[in-house]
C-alpha atoms as a PDB file:
ATOM      1  CA  UNK A   1    -105.348-134.758  13.365  1.00  0.00           C
ATOM      2  CA  UNK A   2    -107.745-133.473  10.724  1.00  0.00           C
ATOM      3  CA  UNK A   3    -110.154-130.687  11.653  1.00  0.00           C
ATOM      4  CA  UNK A   4    -112.307-131.004   8.566  1.00  0.00           C
ATOM      5  CA  UNK A   5    -115.534-132.119  10.254  1.00  0.00           C
ATOM      6  CA  UNK A   6    -117.531-131.135  13.329  1.00  0.00           C
ATOM      7  CA  UNK A   7    -116.844-134.529  14.918  1.00  0.00           C
ATOM      8  CA  UNK A   8    -113.081-134.217  14.381  1.00  0.00           C
ATOM      9  CA  UNK A   9    -113.123-130.690  15.838  1.00  0.00           C
ATOM     10  CA  UNK A  10    -115.033-131.947  18.902  1.00  0.00           C
ATOM     11  CA  UNK A  11    -112.546-134.815  19.308  1.00  0.00           C
ATOM     12  CA  UNK A  12    -109.660-132.313  19.177  1.00  0.00           C
ATOM     13  CA  UNK A  13    -111.417-130.130  21.739  1.00  0.00           C
ATOM     14  CA  UNK A  14    -111.863-133.112  24.083  1.00  0.00           C
ATOM     15  CA  UNK A  15    -108.172-133.934  23.706  1.00  0.00           C
ATOM     16  CA  UNK A  16    -107.104-130.345  24.443  1.00  0.00           C
ATOM     17  CA  UNK A  17    -109.449-130.049  27.430  1.00  0.00           C
ATOM     18  CA  UNK A  18    -108.015-133.270  28.843  1.00  0.00           C
ATOM     19  CA  UNK A  19    -104.500-131.858  28.581  1.00  0.00           C
ATOM     20  CA  UNK A  20    -105.452-128.456  30.033  1.00  0.00           C
ATOM     21  CA  UNK A  21    -107.354-129.940  32.991  1.00  0.00           C
ATOM     22  CA  UNK A  22    -104.308-132.046  33.844  1.00  0.00           C
ATOM     23  CA  UNK A  23    -101.925-129.098  33.967  1.00  0.00           C
ATOM     24  CA  UNK A  24    -101.007-127.267  37.174  1.00  0.00           C
ATOM     25  CA  UNK A  25    -102.981-124.006  37.342  1.00  0.00           C
ATOM     26  CA  UNK A  26     -99.845-121.927  36.842  1.00  0.00           C
ATOM     27  CA  UNK A  27     -99.123-123.628  33.492  1.00  0.00           C
ATOM     28  CA  UNK A  28    -102.602-123.312  31.957  1.00  0.00           C
ATOM     29  CA  UNK A  29    -102.318-119.682  30.841  1.00  0.00           C
ATOM     30  CA  UNK A  30     -98.993-120.103  29.016  1.00  0.00           C
ATOM     31  CA  UNK A  31    -100.203-123.346  27.382  1.00  0.00           C
ATOM     32  CA  UNK A  32    -103.367-121.670  26.079  1.00  0.00           C
ATOM     33  CA  UNK A  33    -101.430-118.625  24.849  1.00  0.00           C
ATOM     34  CA  UNK A  34     -99.077-120.913  22.928  1.00  0.00           C
ATOM     35  CA  UNK A  35    -102.038-122.825  21.499  1.00  0.00           C
ATOM     36  CA  UNK A  36    -103.657-119.565  20.357  1.00  0.00           C
ATOM     37  CA  UNK A  37    -100.374-118.521  18.753  1.00  0.00           C
ATOM     38  CA  UNK A  38    -100.354-121.748  16.719  1.00  0.00           C
ATOM     39  CA  UNK A  39    -103.990-121.743  15.639  1.00  0.00           C
ATOM     40  CA  UNK A  40    -104.676-118.019  15.448  1.00  0.00           C
ATOM     41  CA  UNK A  41    -107.262-115.934  17.230  1.00  0.00           C
ATOM     42  CA  UNK A  42    -110.768-117.342  17.307  1.00  0.00           C
ATOM     43  CA  UNK A  43    -113.617-115.482  15.689  1.00  0.00           C
ATOM     44  CA  UNK A  44    -115.924-113.776  18.147  1.00  0.00           C
ATOM     45  CA  UNK A  45    -118.972-115.901  18.878  1.00  0.00           C
ATOM     46  CA  UNK A  46    -122.385-114.547  18.014  1.00  0.00           C
ATOM     47  CA  UNK A  47    -123.908-116.595  20.839  1.00  0.00           C
ATOM     48  CA  UNK A  48    -121.950-116.289  24.108  1.00  0.00           C
ATOM     49  CA  UNK A  49    -121.188-119.439  26.091  1.00  0.00           C
ATOM     50  CA  UNK A  50    -121.967-117.853  29.450  1.00  0.00           C
ATOM     51  CA  UNK A  51    -125.111-116.219  30.765  1.00  0.00           C
ATOM     52  CA  UNK A  52    -125.134-112.466  31.268  1.00  0.00           C
ATOM     53  CA  UNK A  53    -125.852-111.089  34.748  1.00  0.00           C
ATOM     54  CA  UNK A  54    -129.292-110.051  33.487  1.00  0.00           C
ATOM     55  CA  UNK A  55    -130.064-113.551  32.205  1.00  0.00           C
ATOM     56  CA  UNK A  56    -128.868-115.103  35.453  1.00  0.00           C
ATOM     57  CA  UNK A  57    -130.957-112.663  37.518  1.00  0.00           C
ATOM     58  CA  UNK A  58    -133.974-113.499  35.367  1.00  0.00           C
ATOM     59  CA  UNK A  59    -133.487-117.215  36.073  1.00  0.00           C
ATOM     60  CA  UNK A  60    -133.149-116.613  39.817  1.00  0.00           C
ATOM     61  CA  UNK A  61    -136.293-114.475  39.787  1.00  0.00           C
ATOM     62  CA  UNK A  62    -138.090-117.374  38.065  1.00  0.00           C
ATOM     63  CA  UNK A  63    -137.127-119.768  40.871  1.00  0.00           C
ATOM     64  CA  UNK A  64    -133.822-121.275  39.741  1.00  0.00           C
ATOM     65  CA  UNK A  65    -131.192-121.910  42.426  1.00  0.00           C
ATOM     66  CA  UNK A  66    -127.718-120.525  41.739  1.00  0.00           C
ATOM     67  CA  UNK A  67    -124.610-121.687  43.555  1.00  0.00           C
ATOM     68  CA  UNK A  68    -121.082-120.383  43.428  1.00  0.00           C
ATOM     69  CA  UNK A  69    -118.112-122.026  41.785  1.00  0.00           C
ATOM     70  CA  UNK A  70    -114.855-120.070  41.801  1.00  0.00           C
ATOM     71  CA  UNK A  71    -113.871-116.708  40.361  1.00  0.00           C
ATOM     72  CA  UNK A  72    -111.671-118.114  37.590  1.00  0.00           C
ATOM     73  CA  UNK A  73    -112.507-121.846  37.450  1.00  0.00           C
ATOM     74  CA  UNK A  74    -109.315-123.040  39.134  1.00  0.00           C
ATOM     75  CA  UNK A  75    -109.241-126.669  40.195  1.00  0.00           C
ATOM     76  CA  UNK A  76    -109.138-126.250  43.951  1.00  0.00           C
ATOM     77  CA  UNK A  77    -106.761-129.104  44.777  1.00  0.00           C
ATOM     78  CA  UNK A  78    -104.141-127.676  42.399  1.00  0.00           C
ATOM     79  CA  UNK A  79    -103.741-124.280  44.014  1.00  0.00           C
ATOM     80  CA  UNK A  80    -102.751-123.190  47.503  1.00  0.00           C
ATOM     81  CA  UNK A  81    -105.430-123.286  50.181  1.00  0.00           C
ATOM     82  CA  UNK A  82    -105.303-119.473  50.405  1.00  0.00           C
ATOM     83  CA  UNK A  83    -105.848-119.087  46.650  1.00  0.00           C
ATOM     84  CA  UNK A  84    -108.662-121.656  46.725  1.00  0.00           C
ATOM     85  CA  UNK A  85    -110.519-119.892  49.535  1.00  0.00           C
ATOM     86  CA  UNK A  86    -110.080-116.491  47.873  1.00  0.00           C
ATOM     87  CA  UNK A  87    -111.497-117.891  44.605  1.00  0.00           C
ATOM     88  CA  UNK A  88    -114.511-119.265  46.490  1.00  0.00           C
ATOM     89  CA  UNK A  89    -115.015-116.032  48.444  1.00  0.00           C
ATOM     90  CA  UNK A  90    -114.829-113.838  45.328  1.00  0.00           C
ATOM     91  CA  UNK A  91    -117.236-116.036  43.392  1.00  0.00           C
ATOM     92  CA  UNK A  92    -119.796-115.953  46.172  1.00  0.00           C
ATOM     93  CA  UNK A  93    -119.521-112.222  46.821  1.00  0.00           C
ATOM     94  CA  UNK A  94    -119.851-111.395  43.098  1.00  0.00           C
ATOM     95  CA  UNK A  95    -122.959-113.569  42.781  1.00  0.00           C
ATOM     96  CA  UNK A  96    -124.574-112.172  45.928  1.00  0.00           C
ATOM     97  CA  UNK A  97    -123.883-108.590  44.848  1.00  0.00           C
ATOM     98  CA  UNK A  98    -125.189-109.125  41.303  1.00  0.00           C
ATOM     99  CA  UNK A  99    -128.213-111.236  42.266  1.00  0.00           C
ATOM    100  CA  UNK A 100    -129.149-109.437  45.465  1.00  0.00           C
ATOM    101  CA  UNK A 101    -129.605-112.646  47.432  1.00  0.00           C
ATOM    102  CA  UNK A 102    -127.572-115.097  49.536  1.00  0.00           C
ATOM    103  CA  UNK A 103    -125.685-117.897  47.795  1.00  0.00           C
ATOM    104  CA  UNK A 104    -125.329-121.025  49.924  1.00  0.00           C
ATOM    105  CA  UNK A 105    -124.565-123.843  47.473  1.00  0.00           C
ATOM    106  CA  UNK A 106    -121.275-124.625  45.752  1.00  0.00           C
ATOM    107  CA  UNK A 107    -120.149-126.609  42.686  1.00  0.00           C
ATOM    108  CA  UNK A 108    -116.560-127.871  42.585  1.00  0.00           C
ATOM    109  CA  UNK A 109    -114.770-126.839  39.368  1.00  0.00           C
ATOM    110  CA  UNK A 110    -114.223-129.954  37.259  1.00  0.00           C
ATOM    111  CA  UNK A 111    -115.807-131.802  40.189  1.00  0.00           C
ATOM    112  CA  UNK A 112    -113.880-135.081  40.220  1.00  0.00           C
ATOM    113  CA  UNK A 113    -112.892-136.546  43.610  1.00  0.00           C
ATOM    114  CA  UNK A 114    -109.262-135.488  43.094  1.00  0.00           C
ATOM    115  CA  UNK A 115    -110.272-131.860  42.388  1.00  0.00           C
ATOM    116  CA  UNK A 116    -111.124-130.934  46.007  1.00  0.00           C
ATOM    117  CA  UNK A 117    -110.126-132.146  49.461  1.00  0.00           C
ATOM    118  CA  UNK A 118    -111.209-132.291  53.096  1.00  0.00           C
ATOM    119  CA  UNK A 119    -109.789-128.820  53.865  1.00  0.00           C
ATOM    120  CA  UNK A 120    -111.875-127.258  51.080  1.00  0.00           C
ATOM    121  CA  UNK A 121    -115.002-129.101  52.254  1.00  0.00           C
ATOM    122  CA  UNK A 122    -114.416-127.844  55.801  1.00  0.00           C
ATOM    123  CA  UNK A 123    -113.865-124.272  54.559  1.00  0.00           C
ATOM    124  CA  UNK A 124    -117.197-124.422  52.709  1.00  0.00           C
ATOM    125  CA  UNK A 125    -118.959-125.639  55.886  1.00  0.00           C
ATOM    126  CA  UNK A 126    -117.373-122.911  58.002  1.00  0.00           C
ATOM    127  CA  UNK A 127    -118.222-120.273  55.371  1.00  0.00           C
ATOM    128  CA  UNK A 128    -121.904-121.152  55.770  1.00  0.00           C
ATOM    129  CA  UNK A 129    -122.533-123.143  52.617  1.00  0.00           C
ATOM    130  CA  UNK A 130    -125.282-125.749  52.943  1.00  0.00           C
ATOM    131  CA  UNK A 131    -123.736-128.198  50.477  1.00  0.00           C
ATOM    132  CA  UNK A 132    -121.597-128.750  47.396  1.00  0.00           C
ATOM    133  CA  UNK A 133    -121.945-130.798  44.241  1.00  0.00           C
ATOM    134  CA  UNK A 134    -119.342-132.828  42.400  1.00  0.00           C
ATOM    135  CA  UNK A 135    -119.535-134.089  38.827  1.00  0.00           C
ATOM    136  CA  UNK A 136    -119.607-137.692  40.030  1.00  0.00           C
ATOM    137  CA  UNK A 137    -122.428-139.309  38.037  1.00  0.00           C
ATOM    138  CA  UNK A 138    -124.631-140.818  40.728  1.00  0.00           C
ATOM    139  CA  UNK A 139    -127.930-140.497  42.499  1.00  0.00           C
ATOM    140  CA  UNK A 140    -127.725-139.281  46.101  1.00  0.00           C
ATOM    141  CA  UNK A 141    -129.187-141.240  48.998  1.00  0.00           C
ATOM    142  CA  UNK A 142    -130.352-139.801  52.313  1.00  0.00           C
ATOM    143  CA  UNK A 143    -126.964-140.493  53.933  1.00  0.00           C
ATOM    144  CA  UNK A 144    -124.938-138.563  51.314  1.00  0.00           C
ATOM    145  CA  UNK A 145    -122.273-136.143  52.502  1.00  0.00           C
ATOM    146  CA  UNK A 146    -123.904-132.801  51.624  1.00  0.00           C
ATOM    147  CA  UNK A 147    -120.493-131.478  50.597  1.00  0.00           C
ATOM    148  CA  UNK A 148    -119.917-134.331  48.130  1.00  0.00           C
ATOM    149  CA  UNK A 149    -123.230-134.697  46.357  1.00  0.00           C
ATOM    150  CA  UNK A 150    -123.187-136.375  42.961  1.00  0.00           C
ATOM    151  CA  UNK A 151    -125.254-135.135  40.063  1.00  0.00           C
ATOM    152  CA  UNK A 152    -126.587-136.108  36.711  1.00  0.00           C
ATOM    153  CA  UNK A 153    -125.619-133.840  33.835  1.00  0.00           C
ATOM    154  CA  UNK A 154    -127.903-133.493  30.809  1.00  0.00           C
ATOM    155  CA  UNK A 155    -125.330-134.008  28.055  1.00  0.00           C
ATOM    156  CA  UNK A 156    -127.720-135.969  25.866  1.00  0.00           C
ATOM    157  CA  UNK A 157    -128.961-134.143  22.808  1.00  0.00           C
ATOM    158  CA  UNK A 158    -132.524-135.343  23.262  1.00  0.00           C
ATOM    159  CA  UNK A 159    -134.737-134.855  26.313  1.00  0.00           C
ATOM    160  CA  UNK A 160    -136.348-138.315  26.311  1.00  0.00           C
ATOM    161  CA  UNK A 161    -132.913-139.992  26.318  1.00  0.00           C
ATOM    162  CA  UNK A 162    -131.887-137.920  29.356  1.00  0.00           C
ATOM    163  CA  UNK A 163    -135.180-138.785  31.103  1.00  0.00           C
ATOM    164  CA  UNK A 164    -134.583-142.478  30.437  1.00  0.00           C
ATOM    165  CA  UNK A 165    -131.057-142.283  31.862  1.00  0.00           C
ATOM    166  CA  UNK A 166    -132.318-140.550  35.009  1.00  0.00           C
ATOM    167  CA  UNK A 167    -135.094-143.109  35.391  1.00  0.00           C
ATOM    168  CA  UNK A 168    -132.651-146.003  35.034  1.00  0.00           C
ATOM    169  CA  UNK A 169    -130.309-144.460  37.601  1.00  0.00           C
ATOM    170  CA  UNK A 170    -133.112-143.973  40.079  1.00  0.00           C
ATOM    171  CA  UNK A 171    -134.326-147.568  39.892  1.00  0.00           C
END
């Protein structure tokens, strides 16, 4: 596969992400280390991919809602129940400590139906979460399971196109 253009690099990234997401959690680290060995260390990015705690706090102070995820982005159905609950607990406690406010919403890592299960949903309920979102692309109706809400993700590069897609989904 050629990596001579932005589109070919993005296609390679999609391919690699597909492979990595399909691996058991225990195999992801060694796979990525081997991949880095083959392609060399990446240059440090001038624009970080993640928000800083200060940026996140600023968003919360401006009215944004922040939910927890996991501490290290494990796919919950691919680890033991104990590891899954510890990941959820750590994520929530870190956010609450850093933001100085309760966190009562959750987003499933990867978010496909096979990435979580009934035991995880029940743990979230018992832990006091109010709901959880998947990455299932759908609009939610009034009878939706609050621990399996779908969502629309703004992957379009232009705002009007995203607005049109949302409008079409709603109607």
